[in-house]
Amino acid sequence: MAIVFIDSCIVIDYIKGKEEINIQLNQIQMPCINFIVEMELMQGAGDKRELAKIRKELSAFDLLDFHNEIAKLSSHLLKNYFLSHNLQIADAIIAATSLVYNIPLFTHNKKDFRYIPNLELYKMPTLK
């Protein structure tokens, strides 16, 4: 698979050095994040040293541009799924980014996204 959008939970596992995630990410030609994933991770830093480590680790990911089409789709998703599925703003932007770029989303939190039409969730290949 060439390009895959990587959710915050996967990046956290990568930063923690979880072997299975690192192996999976190495099989992806172009792992991408957006500004929301970047900000969620930076917000989780406990101090300057941890923030510097996070910023360094994020350099392993391509940063997808945010534009008006993503903003409009995020708003549409929030209007349709906030009340019924408790869709949060960050997840709406993540889903919209994946949909607009037409790339699968790699996340552990499939329940937060599986109801969104046409959103492809990345399936990890079986490791040998």
C-alpha atoms as a PDB file:
ATOM      1  CA  MET A   1       0.000   0.000   0.000  1.00  0.00           C
ATOM      2  CA  ALA A   2       1.478   3.291  -1.063  1.00  0.00           C
ATOM      3  CA  ILE A   3      -0.120   6.008   1.112  1.00  0.00           C
ATOM      4  CA  VAL A   4      -1.883   5.569   4.471  1.00  0.00           C
ATOM      5  CA  PHE A   5      -3.218   8.176   6.912  1.00  0.00           C
ATOM      6  CA  ILE A   6      -1.926   7.410  10.418  1.00  0.00           C
ATOM      7  CA  ASP A   7      -4.138   8.250  13.413  1.00  0.00           C
ATOM      8  CA  SER A   8      -2.759   9.632  16.687  1.00  0.00           C
ATOM      9  CA  CYS A   9      -3.097   6.328  18.555  1.00  0.00           C
ATOM     10  CA  ILE A  10      -0.822   4.596  16.031  1.00  0.00           C
ATOM     11  CA  VAL A  11       1.764   7.392  16.157  1.00  0.00           C
ATOM     12  CA  ILE A  12       1.760   7.132  19.958  1.00  0.00           C
ATOM     13  CA  ASP A  13       2.512   3.400  19.715  1.00  0.00           C
ATOM     14  CA  TYR A  14       5.269   4.184  17.185  1.00  0.00           C
ATOM     15  CA  ILE A  15       6.836   6.747  19.526  1.00  0.00           C
ATOM     16  CA  LYS A  16       6.622   4.241  22.398  1.00  0.00           C
ATOM     17  CA  GLY A  17       8.573   1.806  20.214  1.00  0.00           C
ATOM     18  CA  LYS A  18       5.899  -0.885  19.951  1.00  0.00           C
ATOM     19  CA  GLU A  19       7.510  -3.434  17.663  1.00  0.00           C
ATOM     20  CA  GLU A  20       4.387  -4.606  15.803  1.00  0.00           C
ATOM     21  CA  ILE A  21       3.418  -1.035  14.897  1.00  0.00           C
ATOM     22  CA  ASN A  22       6.954  -0.187  13.796  1.00  0.00           C
ATOM     23  CA  ILE A  23       6.987  -3.259  11.544  1.00  0.00           C
ATOM     24  CA  GLN A  24       3.594  -2.281  10.088  1.00  0.00           C
ATOM     25  CA  LEU A  25       4.668   1.317   9.472  1.00  0.00           C
ATOM     26  CA  ASN A  26       7.834   0.134   7.744  1.00  0.00           C
ATOM     27  CA  GLN A  27       5.616  -1.688   5.232  1.00  0.00           C
ATOM     28  CA  ILE A  28       3.790   1.536   4.330  1.00  0.00           C
ATOM     29  CA  GLN A  29       5.494   3.489   1.577  1.00  0.00           C
ATOM     30  CA  MET A  30       4.157   6.882   2.651  1.00  0.00           C
ATOM     31  CA  PRO A  31       2.719   7.158   6.191  1.00  0.00           C
ATOM     32  CA  CYS A  32       0.927  10.506   6.553  1.00  0.00           C
ATOM     33  CA  ILE A  33      -0.549  12.617   9.317  1.00  0.00           C
ATOM     34  CA  ASN A  34      -2.358  15.957   9.366  1.00  0.00           C
ATOM     35  CA  PHE A  35      -2.159  19.007  11.612  1.00  0.00           C
ATOM     36  CA  ILE A  36      -4.745  17.549  14.037  1.00  0.00           C
ATOM     37  CA  VAL A  37      -2.657  14.436  14.714  1.00  0.00           C
ATOM     38  CA  GLU A  38       0.428  16.623  15.075  1.00  0.00           C
ATOM     39  CA  MET A  39      -1.305  18.946  17.565  1.00  0.00           C
ATOM     40  CA  GLU A  40      -2.882  16.081  19.564  1.00  0.00           C
ATOM     41  CA  LEU A  41       0.552  14.561  20.056  1.00  0.00           C
ATOM     42  CA  MET A  42       2.265  17.839  20.940  1.00  0.00           C
ATOM     43  CA  GLN A  43      -0.509  18.620  23.429  1.00  0.00           C
ATOM     44  CA  GLY A  44       0.228  15.321  25.164  1.00  0.00           C
ATOM     45  CA  ALA A  45       3.844  16.261  25.929  1.00  0.00           C
ATOM     46  CA  GLY A  46       4.634  16.523  29.625  1.00  0.00           C
ATOM     47  CA  ASP A  47       7.691  18.732  29.286  1.00  0.00           C
ATOM     48  CA  LYS A  48      10.071  20.343  26.772  1.00  0.00           C
ATOM     49  CA  ARG A  49      12.190  17.220  26.412  1.00  0.00           C
ATOM     50  CA  GLU A  50       9.159  15.068  25.614  1.00  0.00           C
ATOM     51  CA  LEU A  51       7.884  17.699  23.168  1.00  0.00           C
ATOM     52  CA  ALA A  52      11.251  17.713  21.385  1.00  0.00           C
ATOM     53  CA  LYS A  53      11.144  13.911  21.128  1.00  0.00           C
ATOM     54  CA  ILE A  54       7.603  13.999  19.721  1.00  0.00           C
ATOM     55  CA  ARG A  55       8.524  16.663  17.165  1.00  0.00           C
ATOM     56  CA  LYS A  56      11.549  14.612  16.084  1.00  0.00           C
ATOM     57  CA  GLU A  57       9.492  11.422  15.746  1.00  0.00           C
ATOM     58  CA  LEU A  58       6.820  13.248  13.722  1.00  0.00           C
ATOM     59  CA  SER A  59       9.421  13.988  11.059  1.00  0.00           C
ATOM     60  CA  ALA A  60       9.029  10.341   9.972  1.00  0.00           C
ATOM     61  CA  PHE A  61       5.545  11.178   8.647  1.00  0.00           C
ATOM     62  CA  ASP A  62       4.474  13.251   5.678  1.00  0.00           C
ATOM     63  CA  LEU A  63       2.141  16.104   6.636  1.00  0.00           C
ATOM     64  CA  LEU A  64      -0.994  16.334   4.493  1.00  0.00           C
ATOM     65  CA  ASP A  65      -2.223  19.817   3.626  1.00  0.00           C
ATOM     66  CA  PHE A  66      -5.492  21.070   5.062  1.00  0.00           C
ATOM     67  CA  HIS A  67      -7.765  22.903   2.664  1.00  0.00           C
ATOM     68  CA  ASN A  68     -11.332  24.087   2.187  1.00  0.00           C
ATOM     69  CA  GLU A  69     -12.676  20.767   0.868  1.00  0.00           C
ATOM     70  CA  ILE A  70     -11.536  19.037   4.076  1.00  0.00           C
ATOM     71  CA  ALA A  71     -13.076  21.808   6.205  1.00  0.00           C
ATOM     72  CA  LYS A  72     -16.427  21.516   4.422  1.00  0.00           C
ATOM     73  CA  LEU A  73     -16.490  17.722   4.633  1.00  0.00           C
ATOM     74  CA  SER A  74     -15.485  17.823   8.327  1.00  0.00           C
ATOM     75  CA  SER A  75     -18.425  20.121   9.030  1.00  0.00           C
ATOM     76  CA  HIS A  76     -20.773  17.868   7.044  1.00  0.00           C
ATOM     77  CA  LEU A  77     -19.597  14.781   8.961  1.00  0.00           C
ATOM     78  CA  LEU A  78     -20.005  16.556  12.300  1.00  0.00           C
ATOM     79  CA  LYS A  79     -23.546  17.674  11.422  1.00  0.00           C
ATOM     80  CA  ASN A  80     -24.482  14.122  10.439  1.00  0.00           C
ATOM     81  CA  TYR A  81     -22.729  12.107  13.154  1.00  0.00           C
ATOM     82  CA  PHE A  82     -22.203  14.213  16.272  1.00  0.00           C
ATOM     83  CA  LEU A  83     -25.551  13.434  17.865  1.00  0.00           C
ATOM     84  CA  SER A  84     -25.922   9.869  16.611  1.00  0.00           C
ATOM     85  CA  HIS A  85     -22.318   8.671  17.093  1.00  0.00           C
ATOM     86  CA  ASN A  86     -20.679  11.366  19.252  1.00  0.00           C
ATOM     87  CA  LEU A  87     -18.240  12.248  16.451  1.00  0.00           C
ATOM     88  CA  GLN A  88     -15.665  14.694  17.800  1.00  0.00           C
ATOM     89  CA  ILE A  89     -14.168  17.621  15.859  1.00  0.00           C
ATOM     90  CA  ALA A  90     -10.669  16.110  15.635  1.00  0.00           C
ATOM     91  CA  ASP A  91     -12.032  12.778  14.397  1.00  0.00           C
ATOM     92  CA  ALA A  92     -14.235  14.558  11.848  1.00  0.00           C
ATOM     93  CA  ILE A  93     -11.168  16.339  10.460  1.00  0.00           C
ATOM     94  CA  ILE A  94      -9.152  13.098  10.452  1.00  0.00           C
ATOM     95  CA  ALA A  95     -11.930  11.220   8.626  1.00  0.00           C
ATOM     96  CA  ALA A  96     -12.456  14.064   6.139  1.00  0.00           C
ATOM     97  CA  THR A  97      -8.731  14.212   5.408  1.00  0.00           C
ATOM     98  CA  SER A  98      -8.647  10.489   4.683  1.00  0.00           C
ATOM     99  CA  LEU A  99     -11.743  10.744   2.486  1.00  0.00           C
ATOM    100  CA  VAL A 100     -10.577  13.787   0.506  1.00  0.00           C
ATOM    101  CA  TYR A 101      -7.138  12.291  -0.128  1.00  0.00           C
ATOM    102  CA  ASN A 102      -8.811   8.931  -0.813  1.00  0.00           C
ATOM    103  CA  ILE A 103      -6.421   6.997   1.405  1.00  0.00           C
ATOM    104  CA  PRO A 104      -7.074   4.425   4.146  1.00  0.00           C
ATOM    105  CA  LEU A 105      -6.989   5.388   7.816  1.00  0.00           C
ATOM    106  CA  PHE A 106      -4.763   3.321  10.135  1.00  0.00           C
ATOM    107  CA  THR A 107      -6.280   3.483  13.633  1.00  0.00           C
ATOM    108  CA  HIS A 108      -6.908   1.322  16.674  1.00  0.00           C
ATOM    109  CA  ASN A 109     -10.158   3.237  17.239  1.00  0.00           C
ATOM    110  CA  LYS A 110     -12.216   1.675  14.458  1.00  0.00           C
ATOM    111  CA  LYS A 111     -15.462   2.202  16.420  1.00  0.00           C
ATOM    112  CA  ASP A 112     -14.913   5.965  16.140  1.00  0.00           C
ATOM    113  CA  PHE A 113     -14.913   5.796  12.330  1.00  0.00           C
ATOM    114  CA  ARG A 114     -16.570   2.615  11.003  1.00  0.00           C
ATOM    115  CA  TYR A 115     -19.985   4.249  10.474  1.00  0.00           C
ATOM    116  CA  ILE A 116     -18.606   6.908   8.090  1.00  0.00           C
ATOM    117  CA  PRO A 117     -19.542   5.987   4.503  1.00  0.00           C
ATOM    118  CA  ASN A 118     -16.698   5.406   2.049  1.00  0.00           C
ATOM    119  CA  LEU A 119     -14.008   5.720   4.733  1.00  0.00           C
ATOM    120  CA  GLU A 120     -11.532   2.894   4.234  1.00  0.00           C
ATOM    121  CA  LEU A 121      -9.963   1.603   7.426  1.00  0.00           C
ATOM    122  CA  TYR A 122      -6.471   0.172   6.954  1.00  0.00           C
ATOM    123  CA  LYS A 123      -6.204  -3.533   7.622  1.00  0.00           C
ATOM    124  CA  MET A 124      -2.852  -4.595   8.980  1.00  0.00           C
ATOM    125  CA  PRO A 125      -1.315  -7.399   6.941  1.00  0.00           C
ATOM    126  CA  THR A 126      -0.546 -10.559   8.872  1.00  0.00           C
ATOM    127  CA  LEU A 127       3.054 -10.557  10.054  1.00  0.00           C
ATOM    128  CA  LYS A 128       5.204 -13.576   9.350  1.00  0.00           C
END
